[in-house]
PDB file of N, CA and C in Angstrom:
ATOM      1  N   MET A   1     116.355 115.581  87.190  1.00  0.00           N
ATOM      2  CA  MET A   1     115.914 115.829  88.550  1.00  0.00           C
ATOM      3  C   MET A   1     117.021 115.407  89.517  1.00  0.00           C
ATOM      4  N   GLN A   2     117.398 116.308  90.411  1.00  0.00           N
ATOM      5  CA  GLN A   2     118.452 116.035  91.368  1.00  0.00           C
ATOM      6  C   GLN A   2     117.889 115.291  92.576  1.00  0.00           C
ATOM      7  N   THR A   3     118.636 114.303  93.040  1.00  0.00           N
ATOM      8  CA  THR A   3     118.199 113.515  94.193  1.00  0.00           C
ATOM      9  C   THR A   3     118.457 114.290  95.481  1.00  0.00           C
ATOM     10  N   VAL A   4     117.496 114.271  96.369  1.00  0.00           N
ATOM     11  CA  VAL A   4     117.619 114.933  97.672  1.00  0.00           C
ATOM     12  C   VAL A   4     118.591 114.130  98.530  1.00  0.00           C
ATOM     13  N   GLU A   5     119.495 114.821  99.224  1.00  0.00           N
ATOM     14  CA  GLU A   5     120.499 114.152 100.060  1.00  0.00           C
ATOM     15  C   GLU A   5     120.015 113.877 101.482  1.00  0.00           C
ATOM     16  N   ARG A   6     119.087 114.713 101.991  1.00  0.00           N
ATOM     17  CA  ARG A   6     118.609 114.553 103.374  1.00  0.00           C
ATOM     18  C   ARG A   6     117.110 114.797 103.450  1.00  0.00           C
ATOM     19  N   TYR A   7     116.467 114.069 104.348  1.00  0.00           N
ATOM     20  CA  TYR A   7     115.042 114.256 104.626  1.00  0.00           C
ATOM     21  C   TYR A   7     114.832 114.322 106.128  1.00  0.00           C
ATOM     22  N   ARG A   8     113.779 115.016 106.528  1.00  0.00           N
ATOM     23  CA  ARG A   8     113.284 114.944 107.900  1.00  0.00           C
ATOM     24  C   ARG A   8     112.069 114.036 107.852  1.00  0.00           C
ATOM     25  N   LEU A   9     112.116 112.940 108.605  1.00  0.00           N
ATOM     26  CA  LEU A   9     110.976 112.031 108.696  1.00  0.00           C
ATOM     27  C   LEU A   9     110.227 112.351 109.985  1.00  0.00           C
ATOM     28  N   THR A  10     108.925 112.547 109.867  1.00  0.00           N
ATOM     29  CA  THR A  10     108.092 112.862 111.027  1.00  0.00           C
ATOM     30  C   THR A  10     107.117 111.720 111.263  1.00  0.00           C
ATOM     31  N   PHE A  11     107.218 111.132 112.453  1.00  0.00           N
ATOM     32  CA  PHE A  11     106.349 110.028 112.864  1.00  0.00           C
ATOM     33  C   PHE A  11     105.342 110.571 113.869  1.00  0.00           C
ATOM     34  N   THR A  12     104.069 110.283 113.665  1.00  0.00           N
ATOM     35  CA  THR A  12     103.022 110.741 114.573  1.00  0.00           C
ATOM     36  C   THR A  12     102.259 109.530 115.097  1.00  0.00           C
ATOM     37  N   ASP A  13     102.043 109.514 116.413  1.00  0.00           N
ATOM     38  CA  ASP A  13     101.354 108.390 117.042  1.00  0.00           C
ATOM     39  C   ASP A  13     100.556 108.919 118.228  1.00  0.00           C
ATOM     40  N   ARG A  14      99.479 108.242 118.534  1.00  0.00           N
ATOM     41  CA  ARG A  14      98.707 108.596 119.729  1.00  0.00           C
ATOM     42  C   ARG A  14      99.453 108.063 120.953  1.00  0.00           C
ATOM     43  N   GLY A  15      99.563 108.886 121.968  1.00  0.00           N
ATOM     44  CA  GLY A  15     100.230 108.474 123.195  1.00  0.00           C
ATOM     45  C   GLY A  15      99.535 107.287 123.833  1.00  0.00           C
ATOM     46  N   SER A  16     100.295 106.407 124.456  1.00  0.00           N
ATOM     47  CA  SER A  16      99.725 105.196 125.055  1.00  0.00           C
ATOM     48  C   SER A  16      98.844 105.509 126.262  1.00  0.00           C
ATOM     49  N   SER A  17      99.094 106.630 126.920  1.00  0.00           N
ATOM     50  CA  SER A  17      98.295 106.971 128.100  1.00  0.00           C
ATOM     51  C   SER A  17      97.140 107.904 127.760  1.00  0.00           C
ATOM     52  N   GLY A  18      96.877 108.088 126.465  1.00  0.00           N
ATOM     53  CA  GLY A  18      95.797 108.974 126.054  1.00  0.00           C
ATOM     54  C   GLY A  18      96.142 110.441 126.225  1.00  0.00           C
ATOM     55  N   ALA A  19      97.438 110.731 126.343  1.00  0.00           N
ATOM     56  CA  ALA A  19      97.895 112.102 126.588  1.00  0.00           C
ATOM     57  C   ALA A  19      97.931 112.947 125.326  1.00  0.00           C
ATOM     58  N   GLY A  20      97.428 112.437 124.242  1.00  0.00           N
ATOM     59  CA  GLY A  20      97.429 113.205 123.001  1.00  0.00           C
ATOM     60  C   GLY A  20      98.342 112.589 121.965  1.00  0.00           C
ATOM     61  N   VAL A  21      98.752 113.408 121.011  1.00  0.00           N
ATOM     62  CA  VAL A  21      99.563 112.937 119.898  1.00  0.00           C
ATOM     63  C   VAL A  21     101.043 113.132 120.217  1.00  0.00           C
ATOM     64  N   VAL A  22     101.833 112.104 119.925  1.00  0.00           N
ATOM     65  CA  VAL A  22     103.275 112.149 120.119  1.00  0.00           C
ATOM     66  C   VAL A  22     103.923 112.245 118.746  1.00  0.00           C
ATOM     67  N   THR A  23     104.848 113.193 118.580  1.00  0.00           N
ATOM     68  CA  THR A  23     105.533 113.363 117.303  1.00  0.00           C
ATOM     69  C   THR A  23     107.030 113.194 117.504  1.00  0.00           C
ATOM     70  N   ASP A  24     107.645 112.375 116.671  1.00  0.00           N
ATOM     71  CA  ASP A  24     109.097 112.192 116.668  1.00  0.00           C
ATOM     72  C   ASP A  24     109.616 112.571 115.300  1.00  0.00           C
ATOM     73  N   GLU A  25     110.767 113.239 115.267  1.00  0.00           N
ATOM     74  CA  GLU A  25     111.400 113.602 114.008  1.00  0.00           C
ATOM     75  C   GLU A  25     112.801 113.015 113.964  1.00  0.00           C
ATOM     76  N   VAL A  26     113.179 112.520 112.787  1.00  0.00           N
ATOM     77  CA  VAL A  26     114.498 111.934 112.581  1.00  0.00           C
ATOM     78  C   VAL A  26     115.036 112.453 111.254  1.00  0.00           C
ATOM     79  N   ILE A  27     116.305 112.847 111.242  1.00  0.00           N
ATOM     80  CA  ILE A  27     116.958 113.262 110.002  1.00  0.00           C
ATOM     81  C   ILE A  27     117.664 112.042 109.418  1.00  0.00           C
ATOM     82  N   VAL A  28     117.401 111.780 108.136  1.00  0.00           N
ATOM     83  CA  VAL A  28     118.051 110.664 107.444  1.00  0.00           C
ATOM     84  C   VAL A  28     118.838 111.210 106.259  1.00  0.00           C
ATOM     85  N   GLU A  29     119.943 110.533 105.936  1.00  0.00           N
ATOM     86  CA  GLU A  29     120.784 110.925 104.814  1.00  0.00           C
ATOM     87  C   GLU A  29     120.840 109.808 103.794  1.00  0.00           C
ATOM     88  N   ARG A  30     121.040 110.190 102.552  1.00  0.00           N
ATOM     89  CA  ARG A  30     121.083 109.232 101.450  1.00  0.00           C
ATOM     90  C   ARG A  30     122.281 108.297 101.601  1.00  0.00           C
ATOM     91  N   THR A  31     122.047 107.026 101.299  1.00  0.00           N
ATOM     92  CA  THR A  31     123.117 106.029 101.273  1.00  0.00           C
ATOM     93  C   THR A  31     123.368 105.650  99.815  1.00  0.00           C
ATOM     94  N   ASP A  32     124.308 104.749  99.584  1.00  0.00           N
ATOM     95  CA  ASP A  32     124.584 104.266  98.226  1.00  0.00           C
ATOM     96  C   ASP A  32     123.615 103.169  97.800  1.00  0.00           C
ATOM     97  N   ALA A  33     122.794 102.692  98.728  1.00  0.00           N
ATOM     98  CA  ALA A  33     121.896 101.565  98.448  1.00  0.00           C
ATOM     99  C   ALA A  33     120.620 102.020  97.741  1.00  0.00           C
ATOM    100  N   LEU A  34     120.021 101.076  97.027  1.00  0.00           N
ATOM    101  CA  LEU A  34     118.706 101.274  96.419  1.00  0.00           C
ATOM    102  C   LEU A  34     117.737 100.299  97.072  1.00  0.00           C
ATOM    103  N   GLY A  35     116.492 100.727  97.259  1.00  0.00           N
ATOM    104  CA  GLY A  35     115.475  99.882  97.873  1.00  0.00           C
ATOM    105  C   GLY A  35     114.814  98.968  96.871  1.00  0.00           C
ATOM    106  N   PRO A  36     113.842  98.171  97.311  1.00  0.00           N
ATOM    107  CA  PRO A  36     113.136  97.227  96.445  1.00  0.00           C
ATOM    108  C   PRO A  36     112.443  97.892  95.255  1.00  0.00           C
ATOM    109  N   GLY A  37     112.065  99.162  95.395  1.00  0.00           N
ATOM    110  CA  GLY A  37     111.408  99.883  94.306  1.00  0.00           C
ATOM    111  C   GLY A  37     112.381 100.605  93.390  1.00  0.00           C
ATOM    112  N   GLY A  38     113.693 100.460  93.655  1.00  0.00           N
ATOM    113  CA  GLY A  38     114.707 101.100  92.826  1.00  0.00           C
ATOM    114  C   GLY A  38     115.019 102.533  93.210  1.00  0.00           C
ATOM    115  N   ASN A  39     114.458 103.004  94.317  1.00  0.00           N
ATOM    116  CA  ASN A  39     114.702 104.369  94.786  1.00  0.00           C
ATOM    117  C   ASN A  39     115.804 104.384  95.839  1.00  0.00           C
ATOM    118  N   PRO A  40     116.419 105.552  96.073  1.00  0.00           N
ATOM    119  CA  PRO A  40     117.488 105.644  97.065  1.00  0.00           C
ATOM    120  C   PRO A  40     117.011 105.269  98.470  1.00  0.00           C
ATOM    121  N   VAL A  41     117.927 104.682  99.229  1.00  0.00           N
ATOM    122  CA  VAL A  41     117.672 104.350 100.631  1.00  0.00           C
ATOM    123  C   VAL A  41     118.346 105.413 101.489  1.00  0.00           C
ATOM    124  N   TYR A  42     117.622 105.887 102.489  1.00  0.00           N
ATOM    125  CA  TYR A  42     118.111 106.893 103.428  1.00  0.00           C
ATOM    126  C   TYR A  42     118.191 106.247 104.807  1.00  0.00           C
ATOM    127  N   SER A  43     119.176 106.686 105.619  1.00  0.00           N
ATOM    128  CA  SER A  43     119.390 106.076 106.925  1.00  0.00           C
ATOM    129  C   SER A  43     119.697 107.142 107.967  1.00  0.00           C
ATOM    130  N   ASP A  44     119.313 106.849 109.222  1.00  0.00           N
ATOM    131  CA  ASP A  44     119.720 107.723 110.318  1.00  0.00           C
ATOM    132  C   ASP A  44     121.166 107.375 110.677  1.00  0.00           C
ATOM    133  N   PRO A  45     121.841 108.170 111.525  1.00  0.00           N
ATOM    134  CA  PRO A  45     123.250 107.909 111.839  1.00  0.00           C
ATOM    135  C   PRO A  45     123.519 106.536 112.454  1.00  0.00           C
ATOM    136  N   THR A  46     122.532 105.947 113.137  1.00  0.00           N
ATOM    137  CA  THR A  46     122.743 104.641 113.769  1.00  0.00           C
ATOM    138  C   THR A  46     122.607 103.488 112.781  1.00  0.00           C
ATOM    139  N   GLY A  47     121.931 103.733 111.644  1.00  0.00           N
ATOM    140  CA  GLY A  47     121.674 102.671 110.671  1.00  0.00           C
ATOM    141  C   GLY A  47     120.464 101.826 111.024  1.00  0.00           C
ATOM    142  N   ILE A  48     119.824 102.110 112.144  1.00  0.00           N
ATOM    143  CA  ILE A  48     118.661 101.328 112.566  1.00  0.00           C
ATOM    144  C   ILE A  48     117.423 101.720 111.770  1.00  0.00           C
ATOM    145  N   LEU A  49     117.254 103.012 111.532  1.00  0.00           N
ATOM    146  CA  LEU A  49     116.099 103.491 110.783  1.00  0.00           C
ATOM    147  C   LEU A  49     116.515 103.677 109.323  1.00  0.00           C
ATOM    148  N   ARG A  50     115.890 102.906 108.435  1.00  0.00           N
ATOM    149  CA  ARG A  50     116.188 102.990 107.001  1.00  0.00           C
ATOM    150  C   ARG A  50     114.880 103.122 106.233  1.00  0.00           C
ATOM    151  N   ALA A  51     114.903 103.968 105.202  1.00  0.00           N
ATOM    152  CA  ALA A  51     113.694 104.218 104.419  1.00  0.00           C
ATOM    153  C   ALA A  51     114.050 104.403 102.954  1.00  0.00           C
ATOM    154  N   GLU A  52     113.234 103.812 102.090  1.00  0.00           N
ATOM    155  CA  GLU A  52     113.335 104.057 100.653  1.00  0.00           C
ATOM    156  C   GLU A  52     112.375 105.208 100.354  1.00  0.00           C
ATOM    157  N   ILE A  53     112.882 106.270  99.721  1.00  0.00           N
ATOM    158  CA  ILE A  53     112.052 107.440  99.443  1.00  0.00           C
ATOM    159  C   ILE A  53     112.083 107.728  97.950  1.00  0.00           C
ATOM    160  N   SER A  54     110.888 107.769  97.351  1.00  0.00           N
ATOM    161  CA  SER A  54     110.766 108.026  95.915  1.00  0.00           C
ATOM    162  C   SER A  54     110.891 109.525  95.644  1.00  0.00           C
ATOM    163  N   PRO A  55     111.137 109.916  94.383  1.00  0.00           N
ATOM    164  CA  PRO A  55     111.190 111.340  94.044  1.00  0.00           C
ATOM    165  C   PRO A  55     109.885 112.076  94.369  1.00  0.00           C
ATOM    166  N   ALA A  56     108.762 111.356  94.417  1.00  0.00           N
ATOM    167  CA  ALA A  56     107.468 111.962  94.756  1.00  0.00           C
ATOM    168  C   ALA A  56     107.270 112.090  96.268  1.00  0.00           C
ATOM    169  N   GLY A  57     108.250 111.636  97.074  1.00  0.00           N
ATOM    170  CA  GLY A  57     108.148 111.725  98.525  1.00  0.00           C
ATOM    171  C   GLY A  57     107.442 110.556  99.183  1.00  0.00           C
ATOM    172  N   GLU A  58     107.188 109.489  98.423  1.00  0.00           N
ATOM    173  CA  GLU A  58     106.565 108.290  99.001  1.00  0.00           C
ATOM    174  C   GLU A  58     107.624 107.533  99.801  1.00  0.00           C
ATOM    175  N   VAL A  59     107.262 107.146 101.018  1.00  0.00           N
ATOM    176  CA  VAL A  59     108.214 106.521 101.931  1.00  0.00           C
ATOM    177  C   VAL A  59     107.867 105.057 102.148  1.00  0.00           C
ATOM    178  N   ARG A  60     108.868 104.201 102.008  1.00  0.00           N
ATOM    179  CA  ARG A  60     108.729 102.779 102.339  1.00  0.00           C
ATOM    180  C   ARG A  60     109.768 102.488 103.421  1.00  0.00           C
ATOM    181  N   MET A  61     109.301 102.228 104.624  1.00  0.00           N
ATOM    182  CA  MET A  61     110.221 101.914 105.711  1.00  0.00           C
ATOM    183  C   MET A  61     110.783 100.513 105.505  1.00  0.00           C
ATOM    184  N   LEU A  62     112.083 100.361 105.771  1.00  0.00           N
ATOM    185  CA  LEU A  62     112.762  99.082 105.598  1.00  0.00           C
ATOM    186  C   LEU A  62     113.149  98.544 106.970  1.00  0.00           C
ATOM    187  N   ALA A  63     112.638  97.393 107.318  1.00  0.00           N
ATOM    188  CA  ALA A  63     112.936  96.790 108.622  1.00  0.00           C
ATOM    189  C   ALA A  63     114.404  96.396 108.686  1.00  0.00           C
ATOM    190  N   THR A  64     115.053  96.711 109.806  1.00  0.00           N
ATOM    191  CA  THR A  64     116.447  96.333 110.012  1.00  0.00           C
ATOM    192  C   THR A  64     116.592  95.338 111.151  1.00  0.00           C
ATOM    193  N   GLY A  65     115.477  94.939 111.743  1.00  0.00           N
ATOM    194  CA  GLY A  65     115.490  93.975 112.829  1.00  0.00           C
ATOM    195  C   GLY A  65     114.270  93.081 112.756  1.00  0.00           C
ATOM    196  N   VAL A  66     114.321  91.992 113.486  1.00  0.00           N
ATOM    197  CA  VAL A  66     113.273  90.977 113.428  1.00  0.00           C
ATOM    198  C   VAL A  66     111.932  91.478 113.945  1.00  0.00           C
ATOM    199  N   TYR A  67     111.911  92.220 115.034  1.00  0.00           N
ATOM    200  CA  TYR A  67     110.652  92.579 115.678  1.00  0.00           C
ATOM    201  C   TYR A  67     110.183  93.990 115.355  1.00  0.00           C
ATOM    202  N   GLN A  68     110.673  94.574 114.289  1.00  0.00           N
ATOM    203  CA  GLN A  68     110.245  95.921 113.930  1.00  0.00           C
ATOM    204  C   GLN A  68     108.909  95.898 113.207  1.00  0.00           C
ATOM    205  N   SER A  69     108.117  96.904 113.473  1.00  0.00           N
ATOM    206  CA  SER A  69     106.838  97.098 112.796  1.00  0.00           C
ATOM    207  C   SER A  69     106.733  98.587 112.463  1.00  0.00           C
ATOM    208  N   PRO A  70     107.523  99.027 111.476  1.00  0.00           N
ATOM    209  CA  PRO A  70     107.621 100.467 111.218  1.00  0.00           C
ATOM    210  C   PRO A  70     106.347 101.078 110.652  1.00  0.00           C
ATOM    211  N   GLN A  71     106.081 102.308 111.069  1.00  0.00           N
ATOM    212  CA  GLN A  71     104.952 103.077 110.553  1.00  0.00           C
ATOM    213  C   GLN A  71     105.456 103.984 109.438  1.00  0.00           C
ATOM    214  N   ALA A  72     104.576 104.374 108.547  1.00  0.00           N
ATOM    215  CA  ALA A  72     104.955 105.280 107.463  1.00  0.00           C
ATOM    216  C   ALA A  72     104.978 106.720 107.976  1.00  0.00           C
ATOM    217  N   PRO A  73     106.122 107.389 107.860  1.00  0.00           N
ATOM    218  CA  PRO A  73     106.213 108.782 108.290  1.00  0.00           C
ATOM    219  C   PRO A  73     105.913 109.741 107.146  1.00  0.00           C
ATOM    220  N   ARG A  74     105.907 111.011 107.469  1.00  0.00           N
ATOM    221  CA  ARG A  74     105.843 112.069 106.461  1.00  0.00           C
ATOM    222  C   ARG A  74     107.282 112.486 106.189  1.00  0.00           C
ATOM    223  N   ALA A  75     107.662 112.645 104.907  1.00  0.00           N
ATOM    224  CA  ALA A  75     109.026 113.010 104.527  1.00  0.00           C
ATOM    225  C   ALA A  75     109.068 114.443 104.031  1.00  0.00           C
ATOM    226  N   GLU A  76     110.027 115.204 104.561  1.00  0.00           N
ATOM    227  CA  GLU A  76     110.226 116.592 104.145  1.00  0.00           C
ATOM    228  C   GLU A  76     111.670 116.744 103.675  1.00  0.00           C
ATOM    229  N   PRO A  77     111.896 117.112 102.398  1.00  0.00           N
ATOM    230  CA  PRO A  77     113.265 117.290 101.918  1.00  0.00           C
ATOM    231  C   PRO A  77     113.953 118.442 102.650  1.00  0.00           C
ATOM    232  N   LEU A  78     115.241 118.271 102.916  1.00  0.00           N
ATOM    233  CA  LEU A  78     116.027 119.311 103.573  1.00  0.00           C
ATOM    234  C   LEU A  78     117.116 119.795 102.616  1.00  0.00           C
ATOM    235  N   PRO A  79     117.515 121.053 102.758  1.00  0.00           N
ATOM    236  CA  PRO A  79     118.591 121.581 101.893  1.00  0.00           C
ATOM    237  C   PRO A  79     119.930 120.968 102.240  1.00  0.00           C
TER     238      PRO A  79
END
């Protein structure tokens, strides 16, 4: 099984003003690192957003700062 090099992560949250659902998308690329579960770690260009993604598409967000409280996004493999 070939490892995916890039994913689109989609985060969905209810707007704070009750204006409906807010969706953010971020493209992450594979790094040389492995996460706690032994799966590849993917990062956005800034290095702030990091995620371990299993071959089954399960996402584990990895905190890169003290006050982060990351939500689990939906992962979509990209060509």
